Amino acid sequence: MSAPEGFHCGHLAIVGRPNVGKSTLLNRLVGQKISIVSRKAQTTRHRISGVVTRPGEQFVFIDTPGFQIRHMNALNRLMNRGVSQALYDVDVILLVIEAGRFTDDDKRILAMIPTGRTTLLVINKIDRLADKQRLLPFMAEVAKAHPFAEIVPVCAANGSGTETLLDAAGRHLPESAPLFGEDDLTDRSERFLAAEFLREKLFRRLGEELPYGMTVEIERFELDGALRRIHAAIIVDRPAHKAIVIGKGGEQLKTIASDARRDMEKLFDGKVFLEVWVKVKGGWADDERALKSLGYE
């Protein structure tokens, strides 16, 4: 793809421990919901690219799963492998931490960043810092831990500081032709996004009962004129989990499907027919072959 002389484009990995707001930040930067969010850690399980194009520059942000330090199964190992690979594949790294908190887990992730890789520190959730006078001393304290190229405080939830973050990141993009069209928002297909939107509703409604024992497989995705016909299977680990997802009289499953369909129609800008059922696949989260068949890489 050709570009005017002086155009800059690059890949930027958004990394951090679970639940620091990486996906919320990506959605805010892109201006559209493409990465699912919930209050449960480890909601994001796949690398998802969000594209932002401005005059003279294009950012390809990669939202990575929160790096899992403590709990290990095949799923978490695959996710950690993806985060580690992203650190080497990109031009710029955005390390996201929470305002007022610089934890041992943050430091472990910081230690994984390759030497010499341009790294910006993004201090998120500044709106939750009760004493705003603590922000500058906190920034100075964390700055001692690494030679960050830039330090930018933001609130991804309301957008405060995100334009400043784009300006800062843009200063470190290499000169390159754009990788995506001007109107592109993501590298992911509608089929993938449909699965993610359904999985988000599962996390939001059942995250306390079944935090990590669920995933989604799109078995059929068909275009019928302007209508999208989507047939999805919710995969759970045990028969008892199936009953929880379905709920009394099927009401839980109906609500989850309706909420997901509304989000899909908003993103796809068209009507969606969504059929959802529940399947039991015991041990799926600790079986690498099963994970790859479900789209985990």
Protein backbone atom coordinates (compact mmCIF):
# COMPACT_ATOMS: atom_id res chain seq x y z
CA MET A 1 0.00 0.00 0.00
CA SER A 2 1.56 3.31 -1.06
CA ALA A 3 1.74 6.32 1.24
CA PRO A 4 2.81 9.94 1.06
CA GLU A 5 6.43 10.63 1.88
CA GLY A 6 6.88 11.01 5.62
CA PHE A 7 3.97 8.76 6.58
CA HIS A 8 4.51 6.82 9.80
CA CYS A 9 2.98 3.48 10.76
CA GLY A 10 3.77 0.81 13.30
CA HIS A 11 2.61 -1.89 15.71
CA LEU A 12 2.13 -1.05 19.38
CA ALA A 13 1.53 -3.71 22.04
CA ILE A 14 -0.69 -2.84 24.99
CA VAL A 15 0.57 -4.97 27.88
CA GLY A 16 0.06 -5.18 31.62
CA ARG A 17 -1.18 -7.40 34.39
CA PRO A 18 -4.83 -8.50 34.38
CA ASN A 19 -7.57 -5.93 34.94
CA VAL A 20 -5.59 -2.70 34.49
CA GLY A 21 -7.89 -1.55 31.67
CA LYS A 22 -6.01 -2.57 28.52
CA SER A 23 -9.12 -3.47 26.50
CA THR A 24 -10.99 -0.37 27.66
CA LEU A 25 -8.00 1.70 26.52
CA LEU A 26 -7.93 0.01 23.11
CA ASN A 27 -11.65 0.61 22.58
CA ARG A 28 -11.28 4.25 23.58
CA LEU A 29 -8.34 4.81 21.21
CA VAL A 30 -10.11 3.14 18.30
CA GLY A 31 -13.41 4.87 19.04
CA GLN A 32 -15.38 1.63 18.76
CA LYS A 33 -15.85 -1.44 20.91
CA ILE A 34 -13.74 -4.20 19.37
CA SER A 35 -12.23 -5.76 22.51
CA ILE A 36 -14.51 -7.16 25.18
CA VAL A 37 -14.40 -5.92 28.76
CA SER A 38 -15.65 -7.04 32.15
CA ARG A 39 -14.62 -6.57 35.75
CA LYS A 40 -13.17 -10.08 35.81
CA ALA A 41 -9.45 -10.42 35.20
CA GLN A 42 -8.40 -12.42 32.14
CA THR A 43 -11.46 -11.49 30.07
CA THR A 44 -9.21 -10.94 27.04
CA ARG A 45 -7.84 -14.24 25.72
CA HIS A 46 -6.69 -13.37 22.19
CA ARG A 47 -4.42 -10.83 20.57
CA ILE A 48 -6.70 -8.27 18.94
CA SER A 49 -5.47 -5.42 16.75
CA GLY A 50 -7.19 -2.05 16.74
CA VAL A 51 -6.36 0.42 13.97
CA VAL A 52 -6.25 4.19 14.38
CA THR A 53 -5.46 6.35 11.35
CA ARG A 54 -4.71 10.06 11.64
CA PRO A 55 -3.23 12.48 9.10
CA GLY A 56 0.26 11.24 8.34
CA GLU A 57 0.21 8.26 10.71
CA GLN A 58 -1.40 4.91 11.43
CA PHE A 59 -1.31 3.02 14.73
CA VAL A 60 -1.90 -0.74 14.89
CA PHE A 61 -2.55 -1.36 18.58
CA ILE A 62 -2.36 -4.96 19.80
CA ASP A 63 -4.47 -5.73 22.86
CA THR A 64 -2.90 -8.66 24.69
CA PRO A 65 -4.27 -10.84 27.49
CA GLY A 66 -3.22 -9.88 30.99
CA PHE A 67 -0.01 -11.77 31.74
CA GLN A 68 -0.85 -14.56 34.16
CA ILE A 69 1.73 -15.02 36.91
CA ARG A 70 0.06 -17.44 39.29
CA HIS A 71 -2.49 -19.84 37.77
CA MET A 72 -1.24 -22.07 34.97
CA ASN A 73 -3.15 -24.34 32.62
CA ALA A 74 -2.81 -24.84 28.86
CA LEU A 75 -5.03 -21.82 28.17
CA ASN A 76 -2.96 -19.49 30.34
CA ARG A 77 0.28 -20.82 28.90
CA LEU A 78 -0.96 -20.09 25.39
CA MET A 79 -2.02 -16.58 26.40
CA ASN A 80 1.32 -15.87 28.10
CA ARG A 81 3.14 -17.12 25.02
CA GLY A 82 1.16 -14.64 22.92
CA VAL A 83 2.05 -11.75 25.23
CA SER A 84 5.75 -12.68 25.19
CA GLN A 85 5.76 -12.90 21.39
CA ALA A 86 4.05 -9.51 21.08
CA LEU A 87 6.86 -7.87 23.03
CA TYR A 88 9.30 -8.86 20.27
CA ASP A 89 7.04 -8.27 17.26
CA VAL A 90 6.15 -4.60 17.79
CA ASP A 91 7.74 -1.20 17.34
CA VAL A 92 6.43 0.34 20.57
CA ILE A 93 5.23 -1.12 23.87
CA LEU A 94 2.59 0.54 26.04
CA LEU A 95 2.89 -0.75 29.60
CA VAL A 96 -0.39 -0.05 31.40
CA ILE A 97 -0.49 0.23 35.20
CA GLU A 98 -3.03 1.64 37.64
CA ALA A 99 -2.57 5.09 39.16
CA GLY A 100 -1.10 4.80 42.63
CA ARG A 101 -0.23 1.09 42.27
CA PHE A 102 3.06 -0.30 41.01
CA THR A 103 2.95 -3.93 42.03
CA ASP A 104 5.40 -6.82 41.94
CA ASP A 105 3.41 -8.25 39.01
CA ASP A 106 3.85 -4.95 37.13
CA LYS A 107 7.60 -5.19 37.77
CA ARG A 108 7.72 -8.79 36.51
CA ILE A 109 6.10 -7.76 33.23
CA LEU A 110 8.41 -4.76 32.95
CA ALA A 111 11.39 -7.09 33.33
CA MET A 112 10.19 -9.09 30.29
CA ILE A 113 10.41 -6.12 27.92
CA PRO A 114 13.32 -6.58 25.48
CA THR A 115 16.29 -4.29 26.03
CA GLY A 116 16.15 -1.20 23.84
CA ARG A 117 12.46 -1.57 22.89
CA THR A 118 10.69 1.81 22.94
CA THR A 119 8.34 1.69 25.91
CA LEU A 120 5.69 4.16 27.04
CA LEU A 121 4.28 3.99 30.53
CA VAL A 122 0.51 4.51 30.56
CA ILE A 123 -0.86 5.29 34.01
CA ASN A 124 -4.56 4.44 33.81
CA LYS A 125 -7.52 5.05 36.13
CA ILE A 126 -6.28 8.47 37.26
CA ASP A 127 -9.91 9.31 38.07
CA ARG A 128 -9.75 6.83 40.96
CA LEU A 129 -6.79 8.51 42.62
CA ALA A 130 -8.37 10.20 45.63
CA ASP A 131 -5.45 12.57 46.21
CA LYS A 132 -4.52 13.98 42.80
CA GLN A 133 -1.37 15.52 44.29
CA ARG A 134 0.01 11.98 44.55
CA LEU A 135 0.14 11.58 40.76
CA LEU A 136 3.37 13.47 40.03
CA PRO A 137 5.37 11.82 42.86
CA PHE A 138 4.02 8.44 41.75
CA MET A 139 5.11 9.10 38.15
CA ALA A 140 8.57 10.08 39.38
CA GLU A 141 8.81 6.95 41.51
CA VAL A 142 7.89 4.55 38.67
CA ALA A 143 10.17 6.41 36.24
CA LYS A 144 13.14 5.13 38.25
CA ALA A 145 12.28 1.54 37.30
CA HIS A 146 12.84 1.85 33.54
CA PRO A 147 13.98 4.37 30.90
CA PHE A 148 10.46 5.02 29.59
CA ALA A 149 10.33 7.07 26.39
CA GLU A 150 7.16 8.81 27.62
CA ILE A 151 4.91 8.67 30.68
CA VAL A 152 1.26 9.49 30.03
CA PRO A 153 -1.54 9.52 32.65
CA VAL A 154 -4.96 8.64 31.24
CA CYS A 155 -8.47 7.63 32.16
CA ALA A 156 -9.50 5.10 29.52
CA ALA A 157 -13.05 5.01 30.90
CA ASN A 158 -13.78 8.65 30.02
CA GLY A 159 -11.07 9.30 27.42
CA SER A 160 -9.04 11.80 29.41
CA GLY A 161 -5.43 11.86 28.18
CA THR A 162 -5.95 9.47 25.27
CA GLU A 163 -5.27 12.11 22.59
CA THR A 164 -2.08 13.01 24.44
CA LEU A 165 -1.19 9.31 24.42
CA LEU A 166 -1.68 9.14 20.64
CA ASP A 167 0.51 12.21 20.20
CA ALA A 168 3.21 10.65 22.39
CA ALA A 169 3.06 7.26 20.67
CA GLY A 170 3.09 8.89 17.25
CA ARG A 171 6.49 10.39 17.97
CA HIS A 172 7.94 6.87 18.02
CA LEU A 173 6.32 5.30 14.95
CA PRO A 174 8.70 4.28 12.17
CA GLU A 175 8.35 5.75 8.71
CA SER A 176 6.25 3.26 6.77
CA ALA A 177 3.28 2.93 4.44
CA PRO A 178 -0.08 2.21 6.14
CA LEU A 179 -0.92 -1.44 6.72
CA PHE A 180 -4.72 -0.97 6.72
CA GLY A 181 -7.29 1.13 4.92
CA GLU A 182 -8.21 4.52 6.35
CA ASP A 183 -11.59 3.27 7.62
CA ASP A 184 -10.42 -0.10 8.99
CA LEU A 185 -10.80 -0.56 12.75
CA THR A 186 -9.48 -4.07 13.37
CA ASP A 187 -7.80 -7.07 11.78
CA ARG A 188 -10.39 -9.45 13.23
CA SER A 189 -13.35 -10.89 11.31
CA GLU A 190 -17.03 -10.42 12.15
CA ARG A 191 -17.14 -14.13 13.01
CA PHE A 192 -14.44 -13.66 15.66
CA LEU A 193 -16.05 -10.52 17.06
CA ALA A 194 -19.42 -12.26 17.34
CA ALA A 195 -17.84 -14.98 19.49
CA GLU A 196 -16.12 -12.39 21.66
CA PHE A 197 -19.28 -10.35 22.23
CA LEU A 198 -21.14 -13.47 23.33
CA ARG A 199 -18.28 -14.46 25.63
CA GLU A 200 -18.31 -10.99 27.19
CA LYS A 201 -21.94 -11.39 28.20
CA LEU A 202 -21.14 -14.74 29.77
CA PHE A 203 -18.36 -13.15 31.82
CA ARG A 204 -20.54 -10.26 32.88
CA ARG A 205 -23.51 -12.35 33.97
CA LEU A 206 -21.78 -15.50 35.20
CA GLY A 207 -18.27 -14.35 36.05
CA GLU A 208 -18.69 -15.08 39.74
CA GLU A 209 -20.08 -18.58 39.23
CA LEU A 210 -18.08 -19.66 36.16
CA PRO A 211 -15.21 -17.21 35.81
CA TYR A 212 -12.97 -19.15 33.41
CA GLY A 213 -14.83 -22.35 32.53
CA MET A 214 -16.55 -20.98 29.42
CA THR A 215 -15.69 -20.22 25.83
CA VAL A 216 -17.61 -19.72 22.58
CA GLU A 217 -17.41 -21.40 19.19
CA ILE A 218 -19.18 -19.96 16.13
CA GLU A 219 -20.37 -23.00 14.20
CA ARG A 220 -22.06 -21.12 11.34
CA PHE A 221 -21.88 -17.49 10.22
CA GLU A 222 -23.95 -16.69 7.12
CA LEU A 223 -24.86 -13.49 5.31
CA ASP A 224 -28.44 -13.44 4.04
CA GLY A 225 -28.65 -10.09 2.30
CA ALA A 226 -28.20 -7.54 5.09
CA LEU A 227 -29.06 -10.14 7.75
CA ARG A 228 -26.33 -12.07 9.56
CA ARG A 229 -27.33 -15.56 10.70
CA ILE A 230 -25.06 -16.68 13.52
CA HIS A 231 -25.13 -20.11 15.18
CA ALA A 232 -22.99 -20.24 18.31
CA ALA A 233 -22.08 -22.91 20.85
CA ILE A 234 -21.14 -22.00 24.42
CA ILE A 235 -18.54 -24.51 25.60
CA VAL A 236 -18.46 -25.37 29.31
CA ASP A 237 -16.34 -27.79 31.31
CA ARG A 238 -19.00 -29.71 33.28
CA PRO A 239 -22.67 -30.68 32.99
CA ALA A 240 -23.48 -28.62 36.10
CA HIS A 241 -22.09 -25.56 34.31
CA LYS A 242 -24.48 -26.12 31.42
CA ALA A 243 -27.45 -25.83 33.79
CA ILE A 244 -26.06 -22.57 35.21
CA VAL A 245 -25.64 -21.03 31.74
CA ILE A 246 -29.14 -22.04 30.64
CA GLY A 247 -30.80 -20.94 33.87
CA LYS A 248 -34.32 -21.63 35.08
CA GLY A 249 -36.62 -22.06 32.12
CA GLY A 250 -33.82 -21.02 29.80
CA GLU A 251 -34.09 -17.38 30.93
CA GLN A 252 -30.37 -16.90 31.62
CA LEU A 253 -29.35 -18.08 28.17
CA LYS A 254 -32.04 -15.95 26.49
CA THR A 255 -30.82 -12.82 28.29
CA ILE A 256 -27.18 -13.50 27.43
CA ALA A 257 -28.02 -14.08 23.77
CA SER A 258 -30.23 -10.98 23.54
CA ASP A 259 -27.56 -8.74 25.08
CA ALA A 260 -24.90 -10.12 22.73
CA ARG A 261 -27.14 -9.73 19.69
CA ARG A 262 -27.74 -6.06 20.45
CA ASP A 263 -23.99 -5.40 20.62
CA MET A 264 -23.42 -7.28 17.37
CA GLU A 265 -26.11 -5.29 15.57
CA LYS A 266 -24.53 -2.06 16.76
CA LEU A 267 -21.04 -3.04 15.58
CA PHE A 268 -22.15 -4.67 12.31
CA ASP A 269 -24.73 -1.95 11.62
CA GLY A 270 -27.35 -4.51 10.59
CA LYS A 271 -29.83 -7.10 11.83
CA VAL A 272 -28.55 -10.30 13.43
CA PHE A 273 -30.31 -13.63 13.93
CA LEU A 274 -28.45 -15.35 16.77
CA GLU A 275 -29.04 -18.97 17.81
CA VAL A 276 -27.13 -20.17 20.87
CA TRP A 277 -26.84 -23.52 22.62
CA VAL A 278 -24.56 -25.02 25.27
CA LYS A 279 -22.11 -27.92 24.92
CA VAL A 280 -20.02 -29.75 27.52
CA LYS A 281 -16.34 -30.42 26.67
CA GLY A 282 -14.59 -31.58 29.80
CA GLY A 283 -11.04 -30.29 30.32
CA TRP A 284 -11.06 -28.02 27.26
CA ALA A 285 -9.02 -25.27 28.99
CA ASP A 286 -6.13 -27.66 29.70
CA ASP A 287 -6.04 -29.41 26.31
CA GLU A 288 -3.85 -27.63 23.74
CA ARG A 289 -5.40 -29.53 20.81
CA ALA A 290 -8.90 -28.58 21.92
CA LEU A 291 -7.80 -24.97 22.43
CA LYS A 292 -6.39 -24.71 18.91
CA SER A 293 -9.60 -26.14 17.47
CA LEU A 294 -11.45 -23.37 19.35
CA GLY A 295 -9.23 -20.67 17.82
CA TYR A 296 -6.65 -20.23 20.60
CA GLU A 297 -3.12 -19.90 19.28
